[in-house]
Amino acid sequence: MSGSAPAGSNPPSSLGRGAVVAGAVLLSGLVRLYWTTRYAGWEESDYGNLAMIRGVLEGGFLHYDMNHMPGYYALGALVLGLVDGLVPNPTLVAARGVALVMGLIAVGSAVALADRLAGRRVALAAALLLAFQPELMLYSSSSLREPVYAGWVLASIAALCGERLVLAGIFAALAFSVRMDGALALLPALFVAGIGRGPRLPRLLALFGPLGAAIAAWSAYCAVEHGTPFFWSHSVGVNIETGLGAEAEGPLSWLAGGLSVVAGLLGHLLPWRVGWVVWAGALVALIGLPWARHDPRRTVGVLLISQLGVWAGIGLVGQHAPTHNLYWKWMMPIVPVLVPVGLAGLFALTDRWPRGRWLILGLGLAQIVRTDLRETARQVALGDQLYAPQRALAEWIEANVPASVPMVLDNIPSCYLNREVHERRLVSWFDVPSRPGDEADFARWLRDEQIGFVLWFAEDWTQAPRVAPFLTVGGTWEGEGLRLVERAREDHYGWIFFVVEPK
């Protein structure tokens, strides 16, 4: 992927490309299988996805949420339909299994591309780094949809570099079906490859036909199912409203805030996560690419630039703080493209300066290993602290609370219970009809509905503090004819679980 080596060149090695790719997939698979039993998740989305996959299966593959796109959920529901009743916790197996397999496809495709375009040593180094890069590793062990998206993106670019244009277009359409920004990220690479040689029109039709059909079909579905063909409108609006840009006092303030976020993403978060030497190598590789002619390395370079542009563009417009964990998730599909490109540039750079080679490689590797270990430990600990207790609460409810007992339940516990078909009545705080802050009205509703348990959250977006601010302190709350007695609590995320008792 560096301009210094022709496409397909490989240093002598006893390992064939297939063996390198198989070894990379095996190593990554073993690592991820370990984390599937240990990692509690990135955020609420891990558990919300379980409920949505079950909902797609139960709805006959006809109903999809507009903001989340159908690709991951349809694939997960298809696997769920095959394993339901055959394995314990089938929804979790299906959701994580799909993410795991597609994450491995991303790794295998990236290593194969690295071997073909930059040589065996780049492929071997990429296999090691991609096996343990925190976001790629952990999220492929979770129920997130990003590994599925990354798998289709890498499959598309691998097919594109192999001149299998129709297949590349189909994979691009599948990537779009998982994340709507997939169209923006892949479009420049598809276009550059399409016009690279003649006949151009048939090439462009082969590439953009499947993607265009997928976009049109999803837009039509949203028009019928959700009342608007503009499937991106709500998702974009929410990110703008909840980001720091909403607090800007004017256009210049907004632009300055957005540029500071972009600087934080490209100048710190990304190089820190993949390695400073890899990031520097990527810049070297991009400068040295054969930009003036049709070449697979140019196609990969354009994809990387467009991926970075979309990621930075989200930061510029949405302006969440650069430390926000949303950026970790959005960054993950960039990693299997950036790492091979960066390593190709790094090796090309050290080849020109052999005296400093081992110093650069040694310091770079030390930083990567240190960051990977610390970041993995930090994200795993964060999941254990914030999300594992909620899953444990759901498992306790499943084992100990009769299905006939109605509950006020939300967030991860509710989503985890909804991963299976059940007859429980779970009421969201958004649906509690009592007047905000009215204790008598809340107590009356609890009695009328015979609510047995209440899970209260401290976060404002859950609506619990608005509806029942009097539950903030926990302990025992006395209402007319009943009392709520604290049974469990977790103060890092902020929730209190009450049992409702007659008085």
Protein backbone atom coordinates (compact mmCIF):
# COMPACT_ATOMS: atom_id res chain seq x y z
CA MET A 1 0.00 0.00 0.00
CA SER A 2 3.04 2.18 -0.15
CA GLY A 3 4.24 3.55 -3.41
CA SER A 4 7.65 1.91 -2.84
CA ALA A 5 6.48 -1.65 -3.55
CA PRO A 6 4.50 -2.92 -6.52
CA ALA A 7 1.10 -4.44 -5.90
CA GLY A 8 1.33 -8.08 -5.00
CA SER A 9 5.02 -8.05 -4.03
CA ASN A 10 5.98 -10.34 -1.16
CA PRO A 11 9.24 -10.99 0.64
CA PRO A 12 10.27 -14.67 0.61
CA SER A 13 8.33 -16.65 3.21
CA SER A 14 7.50 -20.26 3.92
CA LEU A 15 3.93 -19.22 4.72
CA GLY A 16 1.37 -18.86 1.95
CA ARG A 17 -1.30 -16.17 1.94
CA GLY A 18 -4.00 -18.64 2.88
CA ALA A 19 -2.01 -19.82 5.88
CA VAL A 20 -1.42 -16.25 7.06
CA VAL A 21 -5.11 -15.38 6.74
CA ALA A 22 -6.17 -18.61 8.44
CA GLY A 23 -3.73 -17.99 11.28
CA ALA A 24 -4.99 -14.44 11.71
CA VAL A 25 -8.61 -15.59 11.82
CA LEU A 26 -7.80 -18.42 14.23
CA LEU A 27 -5.87 -16.17 16.62
CA SER A 28 -8.51 -13.45 16.52
CA GLY A 29 -11.27 -16.01 16.92
CA LEU A 30 -9.75 -17.55 20.03
CA VAL A 31 -9.23 -14.14 21.60
CA ARG A 32 -12.79 -13.07 20.84
CA LEU A 33 -14.32 -16.32 22.03
CA TYR A 34 -12.69 -15.68 25.39
CA TRP A 35 -14.12 -12.18 25.61
CA THR A 36 -17.65 -13.25 24.62
CA THR A 37 -17.92 -14.86 28.07
CA ARG A 38 -16.19 -12.01 29.88
CA TYR A 39 -17.13 -8.70 28.27
CA ALA A 40 -20.32 -7.12 29.64
CA GLY A 41 -20.78 -4.75 26.72
CA TRP A 42 -20.13 -1.31 25.30
CA GLU A 43 -23.37 0.29 26.48
CA GLU A 44 -27.15 -0.19 26.47
CA SER A 45 -27.07 -0.90 22.73
CA ASP A 46 -25.62 -4.37 23.31
CA TYR A 47 -28.77 -5.37 25.17
CA GLY A 48 -31.21 -3.34 23.12
CA ASN A 49 -29.96 -5.22 20.07
CA LEU A 50 -30.95 -8.51 21.68
CA ALA A 51 -34.52 -7.34 22.07
CA MET A 52 -34.62 -5.98 18.51
CA ILE A 53 -33.30 -9.21 16.99
CA ARG A 54 -36.00 -11.17 18.82
CA GLY A 55 -38.57 -8.61 17.70
CA VAL A 56 -37.56 -8.97 14.04
CA LEU A 57 -37.95 -12.75 14.22
CA GLU A 58 -41.30 -12.57 16.00
CA GLY A 59 -42.48 -9.92 13.54
CA GLY A 60 -41.78 -12.13 10.55
CA PHE A 61 -38.82 -9.99 9.36
CA LEU A 62 -41.22 -7.17 8.47
CA HIS A 63 -40.61 -4.55 11.15
CA TYR A 64 -37.35 -2.62 11.64
CA ASP A 65 -36.37 0.49 13.55
CA MET A 66 -35.58 3.35 11.16
CA ASN A 67 -32.55 4.60 13.09
CA HIS A 68 -30.75 1.27 13.36
CA MET A 69 -31.08 -0.09 9.80
CA PRO A 70 -32.18 -3.68 9.10
CA GLY A 71 -29.00 -5.52 8.09
CA TYR A 72 -27.65 -6.69 11.43
CA TYR A 73 -31.05 -7.43 12.93
CA ALA A 74 -32.28 -9.45 9.94
CA LEU A 75 -29.07 -11.49 9.90
CA GLY A 76 -29.22 -11.99 13.67
CA ALA A 77 -32.89 -12.98 13.50
CA LEU A 78 -32.13 -15.46 10.72
CA VAL A 79 -29.48 -17.15 12.87
CA LEU A 80 -31.81 -16.98 15.88
CA GLY A 81 -34.48 -18.80 13.91
CA LEU A 82 -31.98 -21.58 13.24
CA VAL A 83 -30.69 -21.99 16.80
CA ASP A 84 -33.82 -21.11 18.80
CA GLY A 85 -34.60 -24.00 21.11
CA LEU A 86 -31.33 -25.76 20.32
CA VAL A 87 -28.88 -23.80 22.49
CA PRO A 88 -29.10 -22.01 25.85
CA ASN A 89 -29.73 -18.27 25.57
CA PRO A 90 -30.26 -18.44 21.79
CA THR A 91 -30.72 -14.70 21.19
CA LEU A 92 -27.41 -13.92 22.82
CA VAL A 93 -25.74 -16.71 20.85
CA ALA A 94 -27.19 -15.42 17.58
CA ALA A 95 -26.40 -11.75 18.21
CA ARG A 96 -22.84 -12.32 19.37
CA GLY A 97 -22.24 -15.10 16.89
CA VAL A 98 -23.07 -12.85 13.94
CA ALA A 99 -20.85 -10.06 15.31
CA LEU A 100 -18.03 -12.53 15.94
CA VAL A 101 -18.10 -14.12 12.48
CA MET A 102 -18.38 -10.81 10.63
CA GLY A 103 -15.62 -9.29 12.76
CA LEU A 104 -13.41 -12.22 11.76
CA ILE A 105 -14.29 -11.66 8.10
CA ALA A 106 -13.09 -8.08 8.54
CA VAL A 107 -9.80 -9.30 10.02
CA GLY A 108 -9.29 -11.99 7.39
CA SER A 109 -10.08 -9.62 4.52
CA ALA A 110 -7.76 -6.95 5.91
CA VAL A 111 -4.87 -9.40 6.30
CA ALA A 112 -5.44 -10.83 2.81
CA LEU A 113 -5.41 -7.31 1.34
CA ALA A 114 -2.27 -6.43 3.27
CA ASP A 115 -0.52 -9.54 1.97
CA ARG A 116 -1.59 -8.94 -1.61
CA LEU A 117 -0.89 -5.22 -1.78
CA ALA A 118 2.00 -4.68 0.64
CA GLY A 119 3.72 -7.99 1.35
CA ARG A 120 3.91 -10.83 3.80
CA ARG A 121 5.55 -8.98 6.69
CA VAL A 122 2.82 -6.32 6.63
CA ALA A 123 0.19 -9.07 6.64
CA LEU A 124 1.79 -10.84 9.61
CA ALA A 125 2.13 -7.61 11.58
CA ALA A 126 -1.47 -6.65 10.74
CA ALA A 127 -2.70 -10.06 11.91
CA LEU A 128 -1.12 -9.52 15.32
CA LEU A 129 -2.30 -5.94 15.78
CA LEU A 130 -5.85 -6.61 14.58
CA ALA A 131 -6.19 -9.61 16.89
CA PHE A 132 -5.74 -7.45 20.00
CA GLN A 133 -6.82 -3.91 19.03
CA PRO A 134 -9.31 -3.11 21.83
CA GLU A 135 -12.34 -1.83 19.91
CA LEU A 136 -12.10 -4.37 17.10
CA MET A 137 -11.53 -7.18 19.59
CA LEU A 138 -14.14 -6.31 22.23
CA TYR A 139 -16.94 -5.16 19.96
CA SER A 140 -16.59 -8.33 17.86
CA SER A 141 -17.24 -10.15 21.16
CA SER A 142 -20.40 -8.16 21.85
CA SER A 143 -23.88 -7.68 20.41
CA LEU A 144 -23.01 -4.49 18.53
CA ARG A 145 -23.66 -4.15 14.81
CA GLU A 146 -20.37 -2.41 13.95
CA PRO A 147 -18.41 -5.68 13.40
CA VAL A 148 -21.04 -6.72 10.86
CA TYR A 149 -20.67 -3.39 9.10
CA ALA A 150 -16.88 -3.70 9.14
CA GLY A 151 -17.08 -7.21 7.69
CA TRP A 152 -19.19 -6.10 4.73
CA VAL A 153 -16.98 -3.03 4.12
CA LEU A 154 -13.81 -5.13 4.03
CA ALA A 155 -15.49 -7.78 1.88
CA SER A 156 -16.57 -5.06 -0.55
CA ILE A 157 -13.12 -3.51 -0.81
CA ALA A 158 -11.47 -6.93 -1.20
CA ALA A 159 -13.85 -7.78 -4.05
CA LEU A 160 -13.23 -4.34 -5.56
CA CYS A 161 -9.47 -4.81 -5.50
CA GLY A 162 -9.97 -8.18 -7.18
CA GLU A 163 -12.09 -6.57 -9.94
CA ARG A 164 -15.21 -8.50 -8.91
CA LEU A 165 -17.38 -5.46 -9.37
CA VAL A 166 -20.90 -6.85 -8.97
CA LEU A 167 -19.87 -8.65 -5.80
CA ALA A 168 -18.25 -5.46 -4.50
CA GLY A 169 -21.51 -3.60 -5.15
CA ILE A 170 -23.56 -6.24 -3.34
CA PHE A 171 -21.27 -6.15 -0.32
CA ALA A 172 -21.46 -2.34 -0.34
CA ALA A 173 -25.25 -2.58 -0.30
CA LEU A 174 -25.06 -4.97 2.65
CA ALA A 175 -22.74 -2.55 4.47
CA PHE A 176 -25.29 0.23 3.93
CA SER A 177 -28.02 -2.07 5.28
CA VAL A 178 -26.15 -2.16 8.62
CA ARG A 179 -25.08 1.49 8.89
CA MET A 180 -26.48 4.26 6.73
CA ASP A 181 -23.11 6.07 6.63
CA GLY A 182 -21.75 3.03 4.78
CA ALA A 183 -22.94 4.59 1.52
CA LEU A 184 -20.92 7.75 2.19
CA ALA A 185 -17.82 5.84 3.26
CA LEU A 186 -17.79 3.44 0.30
CA LEU A 187 -19.04 5.70 -2.49
CA PRO A 188 -15.70 7.45 -3.27
CA ALA A 189 -13.76 4.15 -3.41
CA LEU A 190 -16.40 2.56 -5.63
CA PHE A 191 -16.38 5.57 -7.94
CA VAL A 192 -12.60 5.81 -8.25
CA ALA A 193 -12.32 2.10 -8.97
CA GLY A 194 -15.23 2.27 -11.42
CA ILE A 195 -13.70 5.00 -13.59
CA GLY A 196 -10.20 3.57 -13.33
CA ARG A 197 -10.45 1.71 -16.61
CA GLY A 198 -12.94 1.16 -19.40
CA PRO A 199 -15.66 0.56 -20.22
CA ARG A 200 -16.60 2.93 -17.41
CA LEU A 201 -20.40 2.99 -17.59
CA PRO A 202 -20.88 -0.79 -17.22
CA ARG A 203 -18.35 -0.78 -14.39
CA LEU A 204 -20.16 2.01 -12.55
CA LEU A 205 -23.53 0.32 -13.07
CA ALA A 206 -22.17 -2.94 -11.66
CA LEU A 207 -20.86 -1.13 -8.58
CA PHE A 208 -23.65 1.34 -7.90
CA GLY A 209 -26.62 -0.71 -9.05
CA PRO A 210 -26.88 -2.87 -5.90
CA LEU A 211 -26.09 0.05 -3.59
CA GLY A 212 -28.60 2.34 -5.28
CA ALA A 213 -31.27 -0.34 -5.15
CA ALA A 214 -30.64 -0.88 -1.43
CA ILE A 215 -30.90 2.85 -0.69
CA ALA A 216 -34.11 3.19 -2.73
CA ALA A 217 -35.66 0.10 -1.12
CA TRP A 218 -34.90 1.26 2.42
CA SER A 219 -36.18 4.76 1.67
CA ALA A 220 -39.43 3.30 0.30
CA TYR A 221 -39.79 1.01 3.32
CA CYS A 222 -39.36 3.95 5.70
CA ALA A 223 -41.90 5.99 3.75
CA VAL A 224 -44.48 3.24 4.22
CA GLU A 225 -43.55 2.01 7.70
CA HIS A 226 -42.35 5.23 9.37
CA GLY A 227 -44.02 7.97 7.34
CA THR A 228 -40.89 9.49 5.80
CA PRO A 229 -38.47 8.49 3.03
CA PHE A 230 -35.72 10.50 4.73
CA PHE A 231 -34.40 7.63 6.85
CA TRP A 232 -31.43 9.63 8.09
CA SER A 233 -33.41 12.58 9.46
CA HIS A 234 -34.11 11.44 13.03
CA SER A 235 -30.68 9.92 13.66
CA VAL A 236 -28.85 13.01 12.43
CA GLY A 237 -31.18 15.32 14.34
CA VAL A 238 -30.70 13.47 17.62
CA ASN A 239 -26.90 13.59 17.37
CA ILE A 240 -26.96 17.30 16.63
CA GLU A 241 -29.37 18.04 19.48
CA THR A 242 -27.41 16.04 22.07
CA GLY A 243 -23.93 17.19 21.02
CA LEU A 244 -21.96 20.17 22.26
CA GLY A 245 -22.74 22.05 19.04
CA ALA A 246 -26.27 22.69 20.30
CA GLU A 247 -24.74 25.04 22.89
CA ALA A 248 -22.81 27.14 20.33
CA GLU A 249 -23.60 30.87 20.36
CA GLY A 250 -23.09 31.44 16.64
CA PRO A 251 -21.72 29.97 13.39
CA LEU A 252 -18.09 30.76 14.24
CA SER A 253 -18.45 29.29 17.71
CA TRP A 254 -20.08 26.20 16.21
CA LEU A 255 -17.29 25.80 13.65
CA ALA A 256 -14.56 26.30 16.24
CA GLY A 257 -16.18 23.74 18.50
CA GLY A 258 -16.49 21.26 15.66
CA LEU A 259 -12.89 21.69 14.56
CA SER A 260 -11.68 21.17 18.12
CA VAL A 261 -13.59 17.87 18.21
CA VAL A 262 -12.06 16.82 14.88
CA ALA A 263 -8.60 17.71 16.17
CA GLY A 264 -9.21 15.58 19.25
CA LEU A 265 -10.35 12.63 17.15
CA LEU A 266 -7.64 12.68 14.48
CA GLY A 267 -4.88 14.15 16.61
CA HIS A 268 -5.25 12.02 19.71
CA LEU A 269 -8.00 9.39 19.93
CA LEU A 270 -7.29 7.55 16.67
CA PRO A 271 -3.46 7.47 16.83
CA TRP A 272 -3.59 6.54 20.50
CA ARG A 273 -5.90 3.60 19.80
CA VAL A 274 -4.09 2.16 16.76
CA GLY A 275 -0.55 3.32 17.58
CA TRP A 276 1.23 6.56 16.82
CA VAL A 277 3.72 4.86 14.49
CA VAL A 278 0.85 3.18 12.60
CA TRP A 279 -0.92 6.53 12.24
CA ALA A 280 2.29 8.17 11.01
CA GLY A 281 2.83 5.24 8.64
CA ALA A 282 -0.66 5.71 7.23
CA LEU A 283 0.12 9.32 6.37
CA VAL A 284 3.34 8.22 4.67
CA ALA A 285 1.52 5.49 2.75
CA LEU A 286 -1.23 7.84 1.57
CA ILE A 287 1.31 10.36 0.29
CA GLY A 288 3.16 7.63 -1.62
CA LEU A 289 0.16 5.97 -3.26
CA PRO A 290 -0.10 5.83 -7.08
CA TRP A 291 -2.81 8.45 -7.23
CA ALA A 292 -2.53 9.03 -10.99
CA ARG A 293 -3.39 5.50 -12.13
CA HIS A 294 -5.89 2.73 -11.49
CA ASP A 295 -4.43 0.61 -8.70
CA PRO A 296 -5.92 -1.43 -5.83
CA ARG A 297 -3.72 0.48 -3.39
CA ARG A 298 -5.32 3.73 -4.55
CA THR A 299 -8.77 2.20 -3.99
CA VAL A 300 -7.88 1.23 -0.41
CA GLY A 301 -6.39 4.67 0.21
CA VAL A 302 -9.54 6.41 -1.00
CA LEU A 303 -11.64 4.18 1.27
CA LEU A 304 -9.50 5.07 4.27
CA ILE A 305 -9.71 8.80 3.55
CA SER A 306 -13.48 8.65 3.10
CA GLN A 307 -13.91 6.62 6.29
CA LEU A 308 -11.85 9.14 8.22
CA GLY A 309 -13.81 11.95 6.58
CA VAL A 310 -17.17 10.49 7.60
CA TRP A 311 -15.95 9.88 11.16
CA ALA A 312 -14.49 13.36 11.46
CA GLY A 313 -17.59 14.82 9.80
CA ILE A 314 -19.80 13.25 12.45
CA GLY A 315 -17.59 14.88 15.06
CA LEU A 316 -17.72 18.22 13.28
CA VAL A 317 -21.51 18.26 13.02
CA GLY A 318 -22.60 16.36 16.13
CA GLN A 319 -19.84 17.71 18.37
CA HIS A 320 -20.00 15.18 21.15
CA ALA A 321 -16.93 15.54 23.34
CA PRO A 322 -13.94 13.66 21.83
CA THR A 323 -13.91 11.44 24.93
CA HIS A 324 -17.47 10.20 24.24
CA ASN A 325 -17.66 6.44 23.81
CA LEU A 326 -19.77 6.83 20.68
CA TYR A 327 -16.56 7.66 18.84
CA TRP A 328 -15.01 4.36 19.92
CA LYS A 329 -17.86 2.49 18.26
CA TRP A 330 -17.86 4.63 15.12
CA MET A 331 -14.05 4.29 14.87
CA MET A 332 -14.05 0.49 15.03
CA PRO A 333 -14.76 -0.18 11.29
CA ILE A 334 -11.88 2.13 10.33
CA VAL A 335 -9.32 0.04 12.22
CA PRO A 336 -9.04 -2.96 9.85
CA VAL A 337 -8.44 -0.56 6.95
CA LEU A 338 -6.09 1.83 8.73
CA VAL A 339 -3.82 -0.76 10.35
CA PRO A 340 -2.65 -2.47 7.10
CA VAL A 341 -2.19 0.89 5.36
CA GLY A 342 -0.30 2.29 8.35
CA LEU A 343 1.95 -0.74 8.66
CA ALA A 344 2.76 -0.62 4.94
CA GLY A 345 3.82 2.99 5.29
CA LEU A 346 5.73 2.28 8.49
CA PHE A 347 7.79 -0.51 6.93
CA ALA A 348 8.43 1.59 3.82
CA LEU A 349 9.66 4.40 6.06
CA THR A 350 11.97 2.21 8.14
CA ASP A 351 13.34 0.57 4.99
CA ARG A 352 14.62 4.00 3.98
CA TRP A 353 16.22 4.53 7.41
CA PRO A 354 17.61 1.12 8.42
CA ARG A 355 19.72 2.54 11.26
CA GLY A 356 16.69 3.78 13.13
CA ARG A 357 14.39 0.90 12.17
CA TRP A 358 14.46 -1.06 15.40
CA LEU A 359 14.25 2.04 17.56
CA ILE A 360 11.11 3.20 15.74
CA LEU A 361 9.54 -0.25 15.66
CA GLY A 362 10.44 -0.97 19.28
CA LEU A 363 9.07 2.28 20.65
CA GLY A 364 5.98 2.02 18.47
CA LEU A 365 5.28 -1.56 19.55
CA ALA A 366 5.78 -0.65 23.21
CA GLN A 367 3.21 2.14 22.94
CA ILE A 368 0.71 -0.10 21.14
CA VAL A 369 1.04 -2.97 23.63
CA ARG A 370 0.75 -0.61 26.59
CA THR A 371 -2.29 1.14 25.13
CA ASP A 372 -4.02 -2.09 24.12
CA LEU A 373 -3.58 -3.62 27.56
CA ARG A 374 -4.71 -0.51 29.42
CA GLU A 375 -7.63 0.29 27.14
CA THR A 376 -8.88 -3.30 27.11
CA ALA A 377 -8.74 -3.44 30.89
CA ARG A 378 -10.46 -0.06 31.18
CA GLN A 379 -13.33 -0.91 28.82
CA VAL A 380 -13.87 -4.34 30.37
CA ALA A 381 -13.88 -2.79 33.86
CA LEU A 382 -16.36 -0.16 32.69
CA GLY A 383 -18.71 -2.85 31.44
CA ASP A 384 -18.36 -4.78 34.69
CA GLN A 385 -19.12 -1.66 36.69
CA LEU A 386 -22.02 -0.21 34.71
CA TYR A 387 -23.73 -2.96 32.70
CA ALA A 388 -23.03 -6.34 34.30
CA PRO A 389 -25.06 -5.47 37.45
CA GLN A 390 -28.10 -4.65 35.32
CA ARG A 391 -27.83 -7.94 33.46
CA ALA A 392 -27.47 -9.75 36.81
CA LEU A 393 -30.63 -8.02 38.04
CA ALA A 394 -32.51 -9.17 34.92
CA GLU A 395 -31.31 -12.72 35.48
CA TRP A 396 -32.50 -12.56 39.09
CA ILE A 397 -35.92 -11.33 37.97
CA GLU A 398 -36.11 -14.09 35.38
CA ALA A 399 -35.34 -16.73 38.01
CA ASN A 400 -37.33 -15.38 40.97
CA VAL A 401 -40.21 -13.11 39.92
CA PRO A 402 -43.38 -14.78 38.57
CA ALA A 403 -44.30 -13.71 35.04
CA SER A 404 -47.69 -12.53 36.33
CA VAL A 405 -46.14 -9.70 38.41
CA PRO A 406 -46.15 -6.34 36.55
CA MET A 407 -43.02 -4.20 36.95
CA VAL A 408 -41.74 -0.73 36.13
CA LEU A 409 -38.62 -1.81 34.30
CA ASP A 410 -36.47 -0.13 31.70
CA ASN A 411 -33.09 -0.05 30.02
CA ILE A 412 -30.76 -3.09 30.10
CA PRO A 413 -32.90 -5.29 32.41
CA SER A 414 -35.98 -4.76 30.26
CA CYS A 415 -34.09 -5.36 27.01
CA TYR A 416 -32.42 -8.48 28.38
CA LEU A 417 -35.74 -9.97 29.43
CA ASN A 418 -37.20 -9.09 26.02
CA ARG A 419 -34.55 -11.19 24.28
CA GLU A 420 -36.95 -14.11 24.80
CA VAL A 421 -40.69 -14.45 24.26
CA HIS A 422 -42.45 -13.95 27.60
CA GLU A 423 -45.74 -12.88 29.12
CA ARG A 424 -44.35 -10.36 31.60
CA ARG A 425 -45.76 -6.87 31.71
CA LEU A 426 -42.84 -4.45 31.76
CA VAL A 427 -43.77 -0.77 31.94
CA SER A 428 -41.28 1.85 30.77
CA TRP A 429 -40.93 5.10 32.68
CA PHE A 430 -41.93 6.80 29.42
CA ASP A 431 -45.32 5.09 29.77
CA VAL A 432 -46.02 5.73 33.47
CA PRO A 433 -49.10 8.00 33.32
CA SER A 434 -48.89 9.62 36.78
CA ARG A 435 -48.30 13.37 36.95
CA PRO A 436 -44.60 14.26 37.28
CA GLY A 437 -43.62 14.57 40.92
CA ASP A 438 -47.12 13.72 42.21
CA GLU A 439 -46.57 11.11 44.94
CA ALA A 440 -50.27 10.40 45.55
CA ASP A 441 -50.95 9.94 41.84
CA PHE A 442 -47.92 7.63 41.49
CA ALA A 443 -49.02 5.52 44.48
CA ARG A 444 -52.56 5.30 43.12
CA TRP A 445 -51.28 4.08 39.74
CA LEU A 446 -49.03 1.48 41.39
CA ARG A 447 -52.02 0.12 43.34
CA ASP A 448 -54.38 0.12 40.37
CA GLU A 449 -51.88 -1.71 38.16
CA GLN A 450 -50.72 -4.05 40.97
CA ILE A 451 -47.08 -3.22 40.25
CA GLY A 452 -44.75 -5.54 42.17
CA PHE A 453 -41.31 -4.01 41.50
CA VAL A 454 -39.96 -0.63 40.42
CA LEU A 455 -36.53 0.00 38.89
CA TRP A 456 -35.67 3.69 39.24
CA PHE A 457 -32.84 5.36 37.28
CA ALA A 458 -30.95 8.53 38.11
CA GLU A 459 -30.34 9.51 34.46
CA ASP A 460 -32.77 12.21 33.29
CA TRP A 461 -33.24 10.68 29.82
CA THR A 462 -34.90 7.62 31.40
CA GLN A 463 -37.74 9.89 32.64
CA ALA A 464 -37.59 8.27 36.09
CA PRO A 465 -36.30 11.43 37.88
CA ARG A 466 -39.01 13.48 36.19
CA VAL A 467 -41.87 11.12 37.08
CA ALA A 468 -40.67 10.08 40.56
CA PRO A 469 -38.04 12.48 41.94
CA PHE A 470 -39.08 11.44 45.45
CA LEU A 471 -37.35 8.06 44.94
CA THR A 472 -33.92 9.64 44.55
CA VAL A 473 -32.62 8.74 48.00
CA GLY A 474 -33.78 5.13 47.95
CA GLY A 475 -34.46 3.40 51.26
CA THR A 476 -38.17 3.17 51.95
CA TRP A 477 -40.78 5.43 50.38
CA GLU A 478 -44.26 5.53 51.90
CA GLY A 479 -47.31 6.03 49.69
CA GLU A 480 -51.01 5.68 50.31
CA GLY A 481 -51.71 2.00 50.91
CA LEU A 482 -48.21 0.80 49.97
CA ARG A 483 -44.50 1.30 50.43
CA LEU A 484 -41.49 0.91 48.16
CA VAL A 485 -38.58 -0.81 49.88
CA GLU A 486 -35.11 -0.67 48.38
CA ARG A 487 -33.92 -4.17 47.53
CA ALA A 488 -30.77 -3.41 45.47
CA ARG A 489 -28.91 -0.43 44.07
CA GLU A 490 -25.88 0.51 41.98
CA ASP A 491 -24.60 4.06 42.26
CA HIS A 492 -22.05 4.24 39.42
CA TYR A 493 -24.65 3.93 36.67
CA GLY A 494 -27.33 5.12 39.07
CA TRP A 495 -30.29 2.84 39.72
CA ILE A 496 -32.36 1.60 42.66
CA PHE A 497 -34.53 -1.52 42.60
CA PHE A 498 -37.61 -1.36 44.84
CA VAL A 499 -40.06 -4.05 45.87
CA VAL A 500 -43.64 -2.82 46.29
CA GLU A 501 -45.21 -3.93 49.57
CA PRO A 502 -48.73 -3.35 50.94
CA LYS A 503 -48.94 -1.15 53.99
